[in-house]
Protein backbone atom coordinates (compact mmCIF):
# COMPACT_ATOMS: atom_id res chain seq x y z
CA MET A 1 -14.48 16.68 -43.92
CA GLU A 2 -15.39 15.05 -40.54
CA ARG A 3 -12.74 13.05 -38.83
CA LYS A 4 -13.71 9.39 -38.27
CA SER A 5 -10.80 8.18 -36.24
CA PHE A 6 -9.73 8.64 -32.62
CA PHE A 7 -7.14 7.30 -30.25
CA VAL A 8 -7.79 4.93 -27.31
CA LEU A 9 -5.04 5.52 -24.71
CA ASN A 10 -4.48 3.30 -21.67
CA TYR A 11 -2.28 4.72 -18.92
CA LYS A 12 -1.36 4.16 -15.30
CA ASP A 13 -2.86 7.07 -13.32
CA PRO A 14 -0.46 8.18 -10.60
CA GLN A 15 -3.17 9.72 -8.49
CA GLU A 16 -5.57 6.76 -8.40
CA GLU A 17 -2.82 4.14 -9.04
CA LYS A 18 -4.86 2.24 -11.50
CA SER A 19 -5.26 1.83 -15.32
CA ILE A 20 -7.32 4.47 -17.05
CA THR A 21 -8.72 4.33 -20.59
CA LEU A 22 -9.18 7.67 -22.33
CA LYS A 23 -10.46 8.49 -25.89
CA ALA A 24 -9.01 11.55 -27.66
CA LEU A 25 -8.83 13.00 -31.10
CA ASN A 26 -5.30 14.22 -30.84
CA ILE A 27 -2.06 13.00 -29.49
CA SER A 28 1.14 14.91 -30.04
CA ASP A 29 4.53 15.62 -28.56
CA SER A 30 4.50 17.85 -25.44
CA ASP A 31 6.30 21.07 -24.85
CA LEU A 32 7.24 19.64 -21.41
CA GLY A 33 10.10 17.55 -22.84
CA LEU A 34 11.06 14.38 -24.68
CA SER A 35 9.43 12.05 -22.14
CA PHE A 36 5.98 13.49 -22.43
CA ILE A 37 3.10 13.41 -24.82
CA LYS A 38 0.09 15.82 -25.04
CA VAL A 39 -3.46 14.38 -25.26
CA SER A 40 -6.24 16.76 -26.23
CA ASP A 41 -9.79 16.83 -27.60
CA PHE A 42 -11.20 14.17 -25.33
CA VAL A 43 -14.00 11.98 -26.61
CA PHE A 44 -16.78 10.65 -24.43
CA ASN A 45 -19.68 8.42 -25.33
CA THR A 46 -22.71 10.72 -25.64
CA GLU A 47 -24.79 8.69 -28.18
CA ASN A 48 -26.70 6.53 -25.74
CA LEU A 49 -27.62 8.67 -22.72
CA SER A 50 -29.89 5.96 -21.15
CA VAL A 51 -26.82 3.87 -20.31
CA ILE A 52 -24.25 5.68 -18.18
CA ASN A 53 -20.78 4.22 -17.53
CA PRO A 54 -19.78 5.44 -14.11
CA GLU A 55 -16.01 5.29 -14.71
CA GLU A 56 -16.35 7.30 -17.97
CA GLU A 57 -18.63 9.85 -16.30
CA LYS A 58 -16.10 10.26 -13.44
CA LEU A 59 -13.38 10.82 -16.04
CA ARG A 60 -15.49 13.21 -18.04
CA LYS A 61 -16.08 15.38 -14.95
CA ARG A 62 -12.42 15.19 -13.98
CA LEU A 63 -11.40 16.43 -17.44
CA GLU A 64 -14.19 18.85 -18.25
CA SER A 65 -12.07 21.99 -17.78
CA THR A 66 -8.82 20.36 -19.01
CA LYS A 67 -7.53 21.69 -22.32
CA SER A 68 -4.85 19.10 -22.69
CA LEU A 69 -3.27 16.41 -20.57
CA HIS A 70 0.49 15.87 -20.52
CA LEU A 71 1.51 12.24 -19.76
CA ASN A 72 4.87 10.78 -19.08
CA ILE A 73 5.62 8.15 -21.68
CA TYR A 74 6.61 5.67 -18.93
CA SER A 75 3.00 5.77 -17.58
CA ILE A 76 1.45 4.85 -20.94
CA LEU A 77 0.47 1.22 -21.42
CA SER A 78 -0.90 1.35 -24.98
CA ILE A 79 -2.20 3.66 -27.67
CA GLU A 80 -4.61 2.35 -30.27
CA GLU A 81 -5.93 4.27 -33.30
CA ILE A 82 -9.47 3.49 -34.16
CA GLY A 83 -11.21 4.41 -37.40
CA LEU A 84 -11.25 4.19 -41.12
CA ASP A 85 -9.22 7.31 -41.98
CA HIS A 86 -6.32 6.86 -39.49
CA GLU A 87 -3.07 8.51 -40.51
CA GLY A 88 -0.80 7.07 -37.94
CA LEU A 89 0.84 8.61 -34.96
CA ARG A 90 3.74 10.88 -35.74
CA PHE A 91 5.76 13.15 -33.42
CA GLN A 92 7.64 16.17 -34.66
CA LYS A 93 10.29 16.00 -31.85
CA ASP A 94 10.84 12.28 -32.33
CA LYS A 95 14.34 11.28 -31.17
CA SER A 96 14.03 7.54 -31.86
CA ASN A 97 17.00 7.63 -34.17
CA LEU A 98 19.17 9.23 -31.49
CA VAL A 99 22.47 7.45 -31.06
CA VAL A 100 24.00 7.22 -27.62
CA PHE A 101 27.68 6.51 -27.34
CA PRO A 102 29.05 4.63 -24.26
CA ASN A 103 30.84 6.72 -21.65
CA SER A 104 34.62 6.47 -21.97
CA PRO A 105 36.53 5.59 -18.83
CA THR A 106 38.18 8.64 -17.24
């Protein structure tokens, strides 16, 4: 069965100091730690080759040999899932129910 959904991720690029929009099939938790996510299987518009978006072409060339991109969660502006068969975004190492107790005075 062919997957009909993908993610549109907007993040602040630390190298270029601007907002970048990236399309990908997979977003998951990263092995780098709790404050990172892994983005892989990048999607680029290849349907209409007569119209070329220079920003997308620059990003495609930058990521052509990249297997996965690990982004700090604080650089992410938004994640949108597009498509009819979306399953939602779930992380296996999700610590959102983590309870932090206040420090006691010493």
